[in-house]
């Protein structure tokens, strides 16, 4: 029976060939990743720009809403103060009528809220 001996040079060549294939595959993968990244970059930039524009627009609307609410809040405060002053002046000018109106309002409310 013949015994075969393995030449160390043959095994080394196979390892080098495998390393070359792996290196080429890695380089190809990196190239593909770079190409996809470069192709996606304009779309991502457009998307980011659109998102920034939308946020700016929403922030502008929110600022306008805050300004409007501040204005209306001041108007409501002034109106409430005027109503309180008018009510106070009416009670001072007509105390008996005010008590009668209070009793009548209390009676009507008690009839509305009592369960039958």
PDB file of N, CA and C in Angstrom:
ATOM      1  N   UNK A   1       0.814  -1.159   0.000  1.00  0.00           N
ATOM      2  CA  UNK A   1       0.000   0.000   0.000  1.00  0.00           C
ATOM      3  C   UNK A   1       0.862   1.228   0.000  1.00  0.00           C
ATOM      4  N   UNK A   2       0.442   2.175  -0.781  1.00  0.00           N
ATOM      5  CA  UNK A   2       1.232   3.383  -0.884  1.00  0.00           C
ATOM      6  C   UNK A   2       0.745   4.412   0.121  1.00  0.00           C
ATOM      7  N   UNK A   3       1.643   5.073   0.707  1.00  0.00           N
ATOM      8  CA  UNK A   3       1.296   6.161   1.613  1.00  0.00           C
ATOM      9  C   UNK A   3       1.512   7.458   0.863  1.00  0.00           C
ATOM     10  N   UNK A   4       0.535   8.324   1.057  1.00  0.00           N
ATOM     11  CA  UNK A   4       0.661   9.634   0.392  1.00  0.00           C
ATOM     12  C   UNK A   4       1.108  10.649   1.407  1.00  0.00           C
ATOM     13  N   UNK A   5       1.893  11.503   0.982  1.00  0.00           N
ATOM     14  CA  UNK A   5       2.350  12.579   1.852  1.00  0.00           C
ATOM     15  C   UNK A   5       1.808  13.881   1.294  1.00  0.00           C
ATOM     16  N   UNK A   6       1.396  14.673   2.194  1.00  0.00           N
ATOM     17  CA  UNK A   6       0.860  15.976   1.785  1.00  0.00           C
ATOM     18  C   UNK A   6       1.983  16.990   1.762  1.00  0.00           C
ATOM     19  N   UNK A   7       2.030  17.703   0.699  1.00  0.00           N
ATOM     20  CA  UNK A   7       3.027  18.740   0.547  1.00  0.00           C
ATOM     21  C   UNK A   7       2.525  19.987   1.256  1.00  0.00           C
ATOM     22  N   UNK A   8       3.344  20.496   2.091  1.00  0.00           N
ATOM     23  CA  UNK A   8       2.945  21.688   2.833  1.00  0.00           C
ATOM     24  C   UNK A   8       2.683  22.854   1.892  1.00  0.00           C
ATOM     25  N   UNK A   9       3.318  22.957   0.823  1.00  0.00           N
ATOM     26  CA  UNK A   9       3.129  24.049  -0.119  1.00  0.00           C
ATOM     27  C   UNK A   9       1.733  24.054  -0.695  1.00  0.00           C
ATOM     28  N   UNK A  10       1.142  22.876  -0.935  1.00  0.00           N
ATOM     29  CA  UNK A  10      -0.196  22.795  -1.510  1.00  0.00           C
ATOM     30  C   UNK A  10      -1.211  23.331  -0.523  1.00  0.00           C
ATOM     31  N   UNK A  11      -1.107  22.968   0.746  1.00  0.00           N
ATOM     32  CA  UNK A  11      -2.029  23.455   1.775  1.00  0.00           C
ATOM     33  C   UNK A  11      -1.926  24.964   1.937  1.00  0.00           C
ATOM     34  N   UNK A  12      -0.728  25.477   1.857  1.00  0.00           N
ATOM     35  CA  UNK A  12      -0.524  26.918   1.997  1.00  0.00           C
ATOM     36  C   UNK A  12      -1.145  27.668   0.834  1.00  0.00           C
ATOM     37  N   UNK A  13      -1.040  27.090  -0.350  1.00  0.00           N
ATOM     38  CA  UNK A  13      -1.645  27.728  -1.520  1.00  0.00           C
ATOM     39  C   UNK A  13      -3.156  27.793  -1.372  1.00  0.00           C
ATOM     40  N   UNK A  14      -3.768  26.739  -0.855  1.00  0.00           N
ATOM     41  CA  UNK A  14      -5.219  26.717  -0.652  1.00  0.00           C
ATOM     42  C   UNK A  14      -5.636  27.768   0.370  1.00  0.00           C
ATOM     43  N   UNK A  15      -4.849  27.913   1.404  1.00  0.00           N
ATOM     44  CA  UNK A  15      -5.155  28.914   2.435  1.00  0.00           C
ATOM     45  C   UNK A  15      -5.047  30.323   1.856  1.00  0.00           C
ATOM     46  N   UNK A  16      -3.983  30.532   1.060  1.00  0.00           N
ATOM     47  CA  UNK A  16      -3.821  31.854   0.448  1.00  0.00           C
ATOM     48  C   UNK A  16      -4.959  32.140  -0.519  1.00  0.00           C
ATOM     49  N   UNK A  17      -5.370  31.139  -1.271  1.00  0.00           N
ATOM     50  CA  UNK A  17      -6.476  31.312  -2.222  1.00  0.00           C
ATOM     51  C   UNK A  17      -7.765  31.634  -1.459  1.00  0.00           C
ATOM     52  N   UNK A  18      -7.984  30.933  -0.346  1.00  0.00           N
ATOM     53  CA  UNK A  18      -9.181  31.200   0.462  1.00  0.00           C
ATOM     54  C   UNK A  18      -9.131  32.611   1.033  1.00  0.00           C
ATOM     55  N   UNK A  19      -7.964  33.027   1.490  1.00  0.00           N
ATOM     56  CA  UNK A  19      -7.823  34.373   2.028  1.00  0.00           C
ATOM     57  C   UNK A  19      -8.085  35.416   0.951  1.00  0.00           C
ATOM     58  N   UNK A  20      -7.598  35.143  -0.263  1.00  0.00           N
ATOM     59  CA  UNK A  20      -7.832  36.064  -1.377  1.00  0.00           C
ATOM     60  C   UNK A  20      -9.322  36.169  -1.694  1.00  0.00           C
ATOM     61  N   UNK A  21      -9.995  35.022  -1.723  1.00  0.00           N
ATOM     62  CA  UNK A  21     -11.439  35.016  -2.016  1.00  0.00           C
ATOM     63  C   UNK A  21     -12.190  35.783  -0.935  1.00  0.00           C
ATOM     64  N   UNK A  22     -11.833  35.540   0.317  1.00  0.00           N
ATOM     65  CA  UNK A  22     -12.490  36.240   1.428  1.00  0.00           C
ATOM     66  C   UNK A  22     -12.207  37.735   1.350  1.00  0.00           C
ATOM     67  N   UNK A  23     -10.978  38.100   1.061  1.00  0.00           N
ATOM     68  CA  UNK A  23     -10.625  39.512   0.936  1.00  0.00           C
ATOM     69  C   UNK A  23     -11.384  40.180  -0.197  1.00  0.00           C
ATOM     70  N   UNK A  24     -11.492  39.493  -1.332  1.00  0.00           N
ATOM     71  CA  UNK A  24     -12.235  40.048  -2.459  1.00  0.00           C
ATOM     72  C   UNK A  24     -13.717  40.187  -2.124  1.00  0.00           C
ATOM     73  N   UNK A  25     -14.264  39.180  -1.450  1.00  0.00           N
ATOM     74  CA  UNK A  25     -15.676  39.242  -1.071  1.00  0.00           C
ATOM     75  C   UNK A  25     -15.920  40.404  -0.113  1.00  0.00           C
ATOM     76  N   UNK A  26     -15.000  40.577   0.828  1.00  0.00           N
ATOM     77  CA  UNK A  26     -15.131  41.698   1.762  1.00  0.00           C
ATOM     78  C   UNK A  26     -15.045  43.029   1.047  1.00  0.00           C
ATOM     79  N   UNK A  27     -14.108  43.137   0.115  1.00  0.00           N
ATOM     80  CA  UNK A  27     -13.973  44.375  -0.662  1.00  0.00           C
ATOM     81  C   UNK A  27     -15.207  44.639  -1.500  1.00  0.00           C
ATOM     82  N   UNK A  28     -15.755  43.579  -2.092  1.00  0.00           N
ATOM     83  CA  UNK A  28     -16.983  43.733  -2.880  1.00  0.00           C
ATOM     84  C   UNK A  28     -18.139  44.181  -1.998  1.00  0.00           C
ATOM     85  N   UNK A  29     -18.221  43.598  -0.809  1.00  0.00           N
ATOM     86  CA  UNK A  29     -19.295  43.978   0.117  1.00  0.00           C
ATOM     87  C   UNK A  29     -19.149  45.438   0.525  1.00  0.00           C
ATOM     88  N   UNK A  30     -17.934  45.862   0.825  1.00  0.00           N
ATOM     89  CA  UNK A  30     -17.715  47.266   1.178  1.00  0.00           C
ATOM     90  C   UNK A  30     -18.083  48.182   0.025  1.00  0.00           C
ATOM     91  N   UNK A  31     -17.712  47.785  -1.188  1.00  0.00           N
ATOM     92  CA  UNK A  31     -18.062  48.585  -2.365  1.00  0.00           C
ATOM     93  C   UNK A  31     -19.565  48.685  -2.549  1.00  0.00           C
ATOM     94  N   UNK A  32     -20.261  47.561  -2.349  1.00  0.00           N
ATOM     95  CA  UNK A  32     -21.717  47.563  -2.488  1.00  0.00           C
ATOM     96  C   UNK A  32     -22.354  48.451  -1.425  1.00  0.00           C
ATOM     97  N   UNK A  33     -21.849  48.366  -0.217  1.00  0.00           N
ATOM     98  CA  UNK A  33     -22.374  49.209   0.864  1.00  0.00           C
ATOM     99  C   UNK A  33     -22.163  50.678   0.538  1.00  0.00           C
ATOM    100  N   UNK A  34     -20.989  51.014   0.040  1.00  0.00           N
ATOM    101  CA  UNK A  34     -20.708  52.404  -0.315  1.00  0.00           C
ATOM    102  C   UNK A  34     -21.622  52.883  -1.441  1.00  0.00           C
ATOM    103  N   UNK A  35     -21.859  52.028  -2.453  1.00  0.00           N
ATOM    104  CA  UNK A  35     -22.727  52.411  -3.565  1.00  0.00           C
ATOM    105  C   UNK A  35     -24.167  52.629  -3.078  1.00  0.00           C
ATOM    106  N   UNK A  36     -24.649  51.721  -2.238  1.00  0.00           N
ATOM    107  CA  UNK A  36     -26.013  51.861  -1.711  1.00  0.00           C
ATOM    108  C   UNK A  36     -26.113  53.110  -0.844  1.00  0.00           C
ATOM    109  N   UNK A  37     -25.105  53.335  -0.033  1.00  0.00           N
ATOM    110  CA  UNK A  37     -25.088  54.522   0.829  1.00  0.00           C
ATOM    111  C   UNK A  37     -25.093  55.792  -0.003  1.00  0.00           C
ATOM    112  N   UNK A  38     -24.270  55.823  -1.056  1.00  0.00           N
ATOM    113  CA  UNK A  38     -24.218  56.994  -1.922  1.00  0.00           C
ATOM    114  C   UNK A  38     -25.544  57.201  -2.651  1.00  0.00           C
ATOM    115  N   UNK A  39     -26.172  56.107  -3.061  1.00  0.00           N
ATOM    116  CA  UNK A  39     -27.446  56.210  -3.766  1.00  0.00           C
ATOM    117  C   UNK A  39     -28.552  56.668  -2.818  1.00  0.00           C
ATOM    118  N   UNK A  40     -28.507  56.255  -1.568  1.00  0.00           N
ATOM    119  CA  UNK A  40     -29.560  56.592  -0.606  1.00  0.00           C
ATOM    120  C   UNK A  40     -29.387  57.991  -0.033  1.00  0.00           C
ATOM    121  N   UNK A  41     -28.181  58.521  -0.053  1.00  0.00           N
ATOM    122  CA  UNK A  41     -27.895  59.811   0.586  1.00  0.00           C
ATOM    123  C   UNK A  41     -28.799  60.936   0.089  1.00  0.00           C
ATOM    124  N   UNK A  42     -29.008  61.128  -1.235  1.00  0.00           N
ATOM    125  CA  UNK A  42     -29.895  62.226  -1.673  1.00  0.00           C
ATOM    126  C   UNK A  42     -31.321  62.053  -1.164  1.00  0.00           C
ATOM    127  N   UNK A  43     -31.810  60.839  -1.154  1.00  0.00           N
ATOM    128  CA  UNK A  43     -33.165  60.599  -0.653  1.00  0.00           C
ATOM    129  C   UNK A  43     -33.274  60.889   0.828  1.00  0.00           C
ATOM    130  N   UNK A  44     -32.275  60.484   1.578  1.00  0.00           N
ATOM    131  CA  UNK A  44     -32.268  60.748   3.015  1.00  0.00           C
ATOM    132  C   UNK A  44     -32.175  62.245   3.273  1.00  0.00           C
ATOM    133  N   UNK A  45     -31.355  62.934   2.506  1.00  0.00           N
ATOM    134  CA  UNK A  45     -31.223  64.385   2.669  1.00  0.00           C
ATOM    135  C   UNK A  45     -32.528  65.097   2.335  1.00  0.00           C
ATOM    136  N   UNK A  46     -33.231  64.639   1.263  1.00  0.00           N
ATOM    137  CA  UNK A  46     -34.525  65.236   0.915  1.00  0.00           C
ATOM    138  C   UNK A  46     -35.538  64.981   2.024  1.00  0.00           C
ATOM    139  N   UNK A  47     -35.535  63.765   2.557  1.00  0.00           N
ATOM    140  CA  UNK A  47     -36.449  63.412   3.638  1.00  0.00           C
ATOM    141  C   UNK A  47     -36.163  64.259   4.874  1.00  0.00           C
ATOM    142  N   UNK A  48     -34.898  64.413   5.213  1.00  0.00           N
ATOM    143  CA  UNK A  48     -34.531  65.224   6.378  1.00  0.00           C
ATOM    144  C   UNK A  48     -34.920  66.683   6.160  1.00  0.00           C
ATOM    145  N   UNK A  49     -34.699  67.182   4.951  1.00  0.00           N
ATOM    146  CA  UNK A  49     -35.060  68.565   4.647  1.00  0.00           C
ATOM    147  C   UNK A  49     -36.568  68.764   4.762  1.00  0.00           C
ATOM    148  N   UNK A  50     -37.325  67.815   4.234  1.00  0.00           N
ATOM    149  CA  UNK A  50     -38.789  67.891   4.339  1.00  0.00           C
ATOM    150  C   UNK A  50     -39.251  67.837   5.783  1.00  0.00           C
ATOM    151  N   UNK A  51     -38.606  66.998   6.580  1.00  0.00           N
ATOM    152  CA  UNK A  51     -38.968  66.895   7.995  1.00  0.00           C
ATOM    153  C   UNK A  51     -38.658  68.204   8.715  1.00  0.00           C
ATOM    154  N   UNK A  52     -37.508  68.806   8.423  1.00  0.00           N
ATOM    155  CA  UNK A  52     -37.161  70.096   9.037  1.00  0.00           C
ATOM    156  C   UNK A  52     -38.170  71.169   8.642  1.00  0.00           C
ATOM    157  N   UNK A  53     -38.554  71.166   7.382  1.00  0.00           N
ATOM    158  CA  UNK A  53     -39.523  72.152   6.904  1.00  0.00           C
ATOM    159  C   UNK A  53     -40.862  71.968   7.619  1.00  0.00           C
ATOM    160  N   UNK A  54     -41.298  70.720   7.774  1.00  0.00           N
ATOM    161  CA  UNK A  54     -42.562  70.447   8.456  1.00  0.00           C
ATOM    162  C   UNK A  54     -42.508  70.878   9.916  1.00  0.00           C
ATOM    163  N   UNK A  55     -41.399  70.608  10.580  1.00  0.00           N
ATOM    164  CA  UNK A  55     -41.251  71.013  11.982  1.00  0.00           C
ATOM    165  C   UNK A  55     -41.268  72.528  12.100  1.00  0.00           C
ATOM    166  N   UNK A  56     -40.584  73.219  11.200  1.00  0.00           N
ATOM    167  CA  UNK A  56     -40.588  74.686  11.225  1.00  0.00           C
ATOM    168  C   UNK A  56     -41.997  75.237  11.015  1.00  0.00           C
ATOM    169  N   UNK A  57     -42.727  74.618  10.103  1.00  0.00           N
ATOM    170  CA  UNK A  57     -44.090  75.061   9.817  1.00  0.00           C
ATOM    171  C   UNK A  57     -44.989  74.854  11.036  1.00  0.00           C
ATOM    172  N   UNK A  58     -44.881  73.687  11.664  1.00  0.00           N
ATOM    173  CA  UNK A  58     -45.677  73.388  12.856  1.00  0.00           C
ATOM    174  C   UNK A  58     -45.308  74.337  13.992  1.00  0.00           C
ATOM    175  N   UNK A  59     -44.021  74.603  14.155  1.00  0.00           N
ATOM    176  CA  UNK A  59     -43.585  75.529  15.205  1.00  0.00           C
ATOM    177  C   UNK A  59     -44.150  76.925  14.952  1.00  0.00           C
ATOM    178  N   UNK A  60     -44.206  77.348  13.698  1.00  0.00           N
ATOM    179  CA  UNK A  60     -44.796  78.650  13.363  1.00  0.00           C
ATOM    180  C   UNK A  60     -46.270  78.704  13.723  1.00  0.00           C
ATOM    181  N   UNK A  61     -47.007  77.637  13.375  1.00  0.00           N
ATOM    182  CA  UNK A  61     -48.425  77.582  13.722  1.00  0.00           C
ATOM    183  C   UNK A  61     -48.620  77.563  15.236  1.00  0.00           C
ATOM    184  N   UNK A  62     -47.781  76.828  15.935  1.00  0.00           N
ATOM    185  CA  UNK A  62     -47.888  76.767  17.393  1.00  0.00           C
ATOM    186  C   UNK A  62     -47.616  78.149  17.997  1.00  0.00           C
ATOM    187  N   UNK A  63     -46.645  78.860  17.469  1.00  0.00           N
ATOM    188  CA  UNK A  63     -46.359  80.209  17.956  1.00  0.00           C
ATOM    189  C   UNK A  63     -47.535  81.145  17.736  1.00  0.00           C
ATOM    190  N   UNK A  64     -48.164  81.040  16.565  1.00  0.00           N
ATOM    191  CA  UNK A  64     -49.345  81.857  16.288  1.00  0.00           C
ATOM    192  C   UNK A  64     -50.485  81.500  17.247  1.00  0.00           C
ATOM    193  N   UNK A  65     -50.657  80.214  17.528  1.00  0.00           N
ATOM    194  CA  UNK A  65     -51.711  79.775  18.443  1.00  0.00           C
ATOM    195  C   UNK A  65     -51.465  80.320  19.850  1.00  0.00           C
ATOM    196  N   UNK A  66     -50.213  80.301  20.284  1.00  0.00           N
ATOM    197  CA  UNK A  66     -49.883  80.833  21.610  1.00  0.00           C
ATOM    198  C   UNK A  66     -50.177  82.330  21.662  1.00  0.00           C
ATOM    199  N   UNK A  67     -49.811  83.049  20.617  1.00  0.00           N
ATOM    200  CA  UNK A  67     -50.086  84.487  20.582  1.00  0.00           C
ATOM    201  C   UNK A  67     -51.589  84.760  20.639  1.00  0.00           C
ATOM    202  N   UNK A  68     -52.364  83.986  19.879  1.00  0.00           N
ATOM    203  CA  UNK A  68     -53.815  84.153  19.884  1.00  0.00           C
ATOM    204  C   UNK A  68     -54.399  83.833  21.256  1.00  0.00           C
ATOM    205  N   UNK A  69     -53.926  82.740  21.862  1.00  0.00           N
ATOM    206  CA  UNK A  69     -54.438  82.379  23.186  1.00  0.00           C
ATOM    207  C   UNK A  69     -54.084  83.440  24.226  1.00  0.00           C
ATOM    208  N   UNK A  70     -52.890  83.988  24.152  1.00  0.00           N
ATOM    209  CA  UNK A  70     -52.517  85.060  25.076  1.00  0.00           C
ATOM    210  C   UNK A  70     -53.431  86.265  24.901  1.00  0.00           C
ATOM    211  N   UNK A  71     -53.707  86.618  23.673  1.00  0.00           N
ATOM    212  CA  UNK A  71     -54.590  87.753  23.394  1.00  0.00           C
ATOM    213  C   UNK A  71     -55.991  87.487  23.919  1.00  0.00           C
ATOM    214  N   UNK A  72     -56.534  86.308  23.623  1.00  0.00           N
ATOM    215  CA  UNK A  72     -57.889  85.959  24.075  1.00  0.00           C
ATOM    216  C   UNK A  72     -57.946  85.826  25.588  1.00  0.00           C
ATOM    217  N   UNK A  73     -56.892  85.333  26.190  1.00  0.00           N
ATOM    218  CA  UNK A  73     -56.846  85.214  27.650  1.00  0.00           C
ATOM    219  C   UNK A  73     -56.954  86.585  28.300  1.00  0.00           C
ATOM    220  N   UNK A  74     -56.240  87.544  27.773  1.00  0.00           N
ATOM    221  CA  UNK A  74     -56.326  88.907  28.287  1.00  0.00           C
ATOM    222  C   UNK A  74     -57.720  89.486  28.121  1.00  0.00           C
ATOM    223  N   UNK A  75     -58.343  89.230  26.970  1.00  0.00           N
ATOM    224  CA  UNK A  75     -59.699  89.718  26.723  1.00  0.00           C
ATOM    225  C   UNK A  75     -60.694  89.074  27.691  1.00  0.00           C
ATOM    226  N   UNK A  76     -60.551  87.760  27.929  1.00  0.00           N
ATOM    227  CA  UNK A  76     -61.449  87.071  28.858  1.00  0.00           C
ATOM    228  C   UNK A  76     -61.273  87.574  30.285  1.00  0.00           C
ATOM    229  N   UNK A  77     -60.051  87.836  30.677  1.00  0.00           N
ATOM    230  CA  UNK A  77     -59.787  88.367  32.015  1.00  0.00           C
ATOM    231  C   UNK A  77     -60.444  89.731  32.178  1.00  0.00           C
ATOM    232  N   UNK A  78     -60.305  90.576  31.160  1.00  0.00           N
ATOM    233  CA  UNK A  78     -60.924  91.904  31.212  1.00  0.00           C
ATOM    234  C   UNK A  78     -62.451  91.799  31.262  1.00  0.00           C
ATOM    235  N   UNK A  79     -63.017  90.915  30.453  1.00  0.00           N
ATOM    236  CA  UNK A  79     -64.470  90.739  30.430  1.00  0.00           C
ATOM    237  C   UNK A  79     -64.966  90.215  31.772  1.00  0.00           C
ATOM    238  N   UNK A  80     -64.266  89.242  32.352  1.00  0.00           N
ATOM    239  CA  UNK A  80     -64.655  88.718  33.664  1.00  0.00           C
ATOM    240  C   UNK A  80     -64.611  89.786  34.732  1.00  0.00           C
ATOM    241  N   UNK A  81     -63.580  90.606  34.716  1.00  0.00           N
ATOM    242  CA  UNK A  81     -63.458  91.693  35.700  1.00  0.00           C
ATOM    243  C   UNK A  81     -64.596  92.691  35.532  1.00  0.00           C
ATOM    244  N   UNK A  82     -64.964  92.998  34.275  1.00  0.00           N
ATOM    245  CA  UNK A  82     -66.077  93.932  34.046  1.00  0.00           C
ATOM    246  C   UNK A  82     -67.395  93.349  34.528  1.00  0.00           C
ATOM    247  N   UNK A  83     -67.616  92.044  34.305  1.00  0.00           N
ATOM    248  CA  UNK A  83     -68.856  91.411  34.770  1.00  0.00           C
ATOM    249  C   UNK A  83     -68.937  91.393  36.292  1.00  0.00           C
ATOM    250  N   UNK A  84     -67.848  91.093  36.953  1.00  0.00           N
ATOM    251  CA  UNK A  84     -67.828  91.103  38.418  1.00  0.00           C
ATOM    252  C   UNK A  84     -68.118  92.514  38.945  1.00  0.00           C
ATOM    253  N   UNK A  85     -67.511  93.509  38.333  1.00  0.00           N
ATOM    254  CA  UNK A  85     -67.760  94.889  38.752  1.00  0.00           C
ATOM    255  C   UNK A  85     -69.221  95.279  38.527  1.00  0.00           C
ATOM    256  N   UNK A  86     -69.770  94.879  37.365  1.00  0.00           N
ATOM    257  CA  UNK A  86     -71.179  95.203  37.078  1.00  0.00           C
ATOM    258  C   UNK A  86     -72.102  94.496  38.070  1.00  0.00           C
ATOM    259  N   UNK A  87     -71.808  93.230  38.390  1.00  0.00           N
ATOM    260  CA  UNK A  87     -72.619  92.511  39.369  1.00  0.00           C
ATOM    261  C   UNK A  87     -72.525  93.145  40.748  1.00  0.00           C
ATOM    262  N   UNK A  88     -71.355  93.524  41.155  1.00  0.00           N
ATOM    263  CA  UNK A  88     -71.147  94.176  42.457  1.00  0.00           C
ATOM    264  C   UNK A  88     -71.918  95.498  42.519  1.00  0.00           C
ATOM    265  N   UNK A  89     -71.836  96.268  41.438  1.00  0.00           N
ATOM    266  CA  UNK A  89     -72.554  97.544  41.403  1.00  0.00           C
ATOM    267  C   UNK A  89     -74.067  97.322  41.464  1.00  0.00           C
ATOM    268  N   UNK A  90     -74.582  96.309  40.783  1.00  0.00           N
ATOM    269  CA  UNK A  90     -76.025  96.017  40.803  1.00  0.00           C
ATOM    270  C   UNK A  90     -76.475  95.620  42.205  1.00  0.00           C
ATOM    271  N   UNK A  91     -75.688  94.744  42.891  1.00  0.00           N
ATOM    272  CA  UNK A  91     -76.046  94.316  44.243  1.00  0.00           C
ATOM    273  C   UNK A  91     -76.039  95.508  45.197  1.00  0.00           C
ATOM    274  N   UNK A  92     -75.090  96.413  45.058  1.00  0.00           N
ATOM    275  CA  UNK A  92     -75.045  97.599  45.918  1.00  0.00           C
ATOM    276  C   UNK A  92     -76.230  98.536  45.658  1.00  0.00           C
ATOM    277  N   UNK A  93     -76.601  98.636  44.389  1.00  0.00           N
ATOM    278  CA  UNK A  93     -77.710  99.530  44.039  1.00  0.00           C
ATOM    279  C   UNK A  93     -79.068  98.906  44.371  1.00  0.00           C
ATOM    280  N   UNK A  94     -79.203  97.602  44.298  1.00  0.00           N
ATOM    281  CA  UNK A  94     -80.484  96.912  44.496  1.00  0.00           C
ATOM    282  C   UNK A  94     -80.303  95.719  45.431  1.00  0.00           C
ATOM    283  N   UNK A  95     -80.073  95.921  46.714  1.00  0.00           N
ATOM    284  CA  UNK A  95     -79.804  94.786  47.595  1.00  0.00           C
ATOM    285  C   UNK A  95     -80.995  93.844  47.759  1.00  0.00           C
ATOM    286  N   UNK A  96     -82.216  94.368  47.905  1.00  0.00           N
ATOM    287  CA  UNK A  96     -83.378  93.498  48.114  1.00  0.00           C
ATOM    288  C   UNK A  96     -83.686  92.679  46.852  1.00  0.00           C
ATOM    289  N   UNK A  97     -83.581  93.311  45.711  1.00  0.00           N
ATOM    290  CA  UNK A  97     -83.810  92.610  44.450  1.00  0.00           C
ATOM    291  C   UNK A  97     -82.769  91.517  44.272  1.00  0.00           C
ATOM    292  N   UNK A  98     -81.520  91.766  44.623  1.00  0.00           N
ATOM    293  CA  UNK A  98     -80.436  90.788  44.504  1.00  0.00           C
ATOM    294  C   UNK A  98     -80.704  89.582  45.388  1.00  0.00           C
ATOM    295  N   UNK A  99     -81.173  89.810  46.616  1.00  0.00           N
ATOM    296  CA  UNK A  99     -81.491  88.693  47.515  1.00  0.00           C
ATOM    297  C   UNK A  99     -82.645  87.881  46.934  1.00  0.00           C
ATOM    298  N   UNK A 100     -83.657  88.550  46.396  1.00  0.00           N
ATOM    299  CA  UNK A 100     -84.791  87.850  45.784  1.00  0.00           C
ATOM    300  C   UNK A 100     -84.353  87.019  44.583  1.00  0.00           C
ATOM    301  N   UNK A 101     -83.501  87.590  43.763  1.00  0.00           N
ATOM    302  CA  UNK A 101     -82.997  86.851  42.597  1.00  0.00           C
ATOM    303  C   UNK A 101     -82.180  85.649  43.062  1.00  0.00           C
ATOM    304  N   UNK A 102     -81.386  85.822  44.120  1.00  0.00           N
ATOM    305  CA  UNK A 102     -80.587  84.712  44.644  1.00  0.00           C
ATOM    306  C   UNK A 102     -81.455  83.587  45.179  1.00  0.00           C
ATOM    307  N   UNK A 103     -82.538  83.945  45.903  1.00  0.00           N
ATOM    308  CA  UNK A 103     -83.450  82.919  46.438  1.00  0.00           C
ATOM    309  C   UNK A 103     -84.150  82.197  45.299  1.00  0.00           C
ATOM    310  N   UNK A 104     -84.631  82.964  44.308  1.00  0.00           N
ATOM    311  CA  UNK A 104     -85.323  82.340  43.171  1.00  0.00           C
ATOM    312  C   UNK A 104     -84.376  81.421  42.402  1.00  0.00           C
ATOM    313  N   UNK A 105     -83.155  81.842  42.167  1.00  0.00           N
ATOM    314  CA  UNK A 105     -82.188  81.013  41.443  1.00  0.00           C
ATOM    315  C   UNK A 105     -81.871  79.750  42.236  1.00  0.00           C
ATOM    316  N   UNK A 106     -81.715  79.877  43.561  1.00  0.00           N
ATOM    317  CA  UNK A 106     -81.463  78.704  44.404  1.00  0.00           C
ATOM    318  C   UNK A 106     -82.604  77.715  44.358  1.00  0.00           C
ATOM    319  N   UNK A 107     -83.850  78.214  44.379  1.00  0.00           N
ATOM    320  CA  UNK A 107     -85.014  77.335  44.318  1.00  0.00           C
ATOM    321  C   UNK A 107     -85.055  76.587  42.988  1.00  0.00           C
ATOM    322  N   UNK A 108     -84.839  77.317  41.879  1.00  0.00           N
ATOM    323  CA  UNK A 108     -84.873  76.689  40.545  1.00  0.00           C
ATOM    324  C   UNK A 108     -83.772  75.638  40.426  1.00  0.00           C
ATOM    325  N   UNK A 109     -82.596  75.947  40.892  1.00  0.00           N
ATOM    326  CA  UNK A 109     -81.504  74.985  40.807  1.00  0.00           C
ATOM    327  C   UNK A 109     -81.755  73.765  41.685  1.00  0.00           C
ATOM    328  N   UNK A 110     -82.344  73.963  42.869  1.00  0.00           N
ATOM    329  CA  UNK A 110     -82.620  72.819  43.731  1.00  0.00           C
ATOM    330  C   UNK A 110     -83.666  71.912  43.100  1.00  0.00           C
ATOM    331  N   UNK A 111     -84.638  72.483  42.406  1.00  0.00           N
ATOM    332  CA  UNK A 111     -85.659  71.669  41.728  1.00  0.00           C
ATOM    333  C   UNK A 111     -85.049  70.911  40.544  1.00  0.00           C
ATOM    334  N   UNK A 112     -84.096  71.522  39.869  1.00  0.00           N
ATOM    335  CA  UNK A 112     -83.460  70.853  38.725  1.00  0.00           C
ATOM    336  C   UNK A 112     -82.575  69.690  39.144  1.00  0.00           C
ATOM    337  N   UNK A 113     -81.904  69.844  40.254  1.00  0.00           N
ATOM    338  CA  UNK A 113     -80.901  68.837  40.659  1.00  0.00           C
ATOM    339  C   UNK A 113     -81.409  67.791  41.650  1.00  0.00           C
ATOM    340  N   UNK A 114     -82.601  67.940  42.167  1.00  0.00           N
ATOM    341  CA  UNK A 114     -83.128  66.900  43.083  1.00  0.00           C
ATOM    342  C   UNK A 114     -83.688  65.768  42.253  1.00  0.00           C
ATOM    343  N   UNK A 115     -83.422  64.534  42.715  1.00  0.00           N
ATOM    344  CA  UNK A 115     -83.930  63.367  41.990  1.00  0.00           C
ATOM    345  C   UNK A 115     -85.350  63.078  42.432  1.00  0.00           C
ATOM    346  N   UNK A 116     -86.125  62.574  41.552  1.00  0.00           N
ATOM    347  CA  UNK A 116     -87.521  62.289  41.869  1.00  0.00           C
ATOM    348  C   UNK A 116     -87.718  60.839  42.143  1.00  0.00           C
TER     349      UNK A 116
END
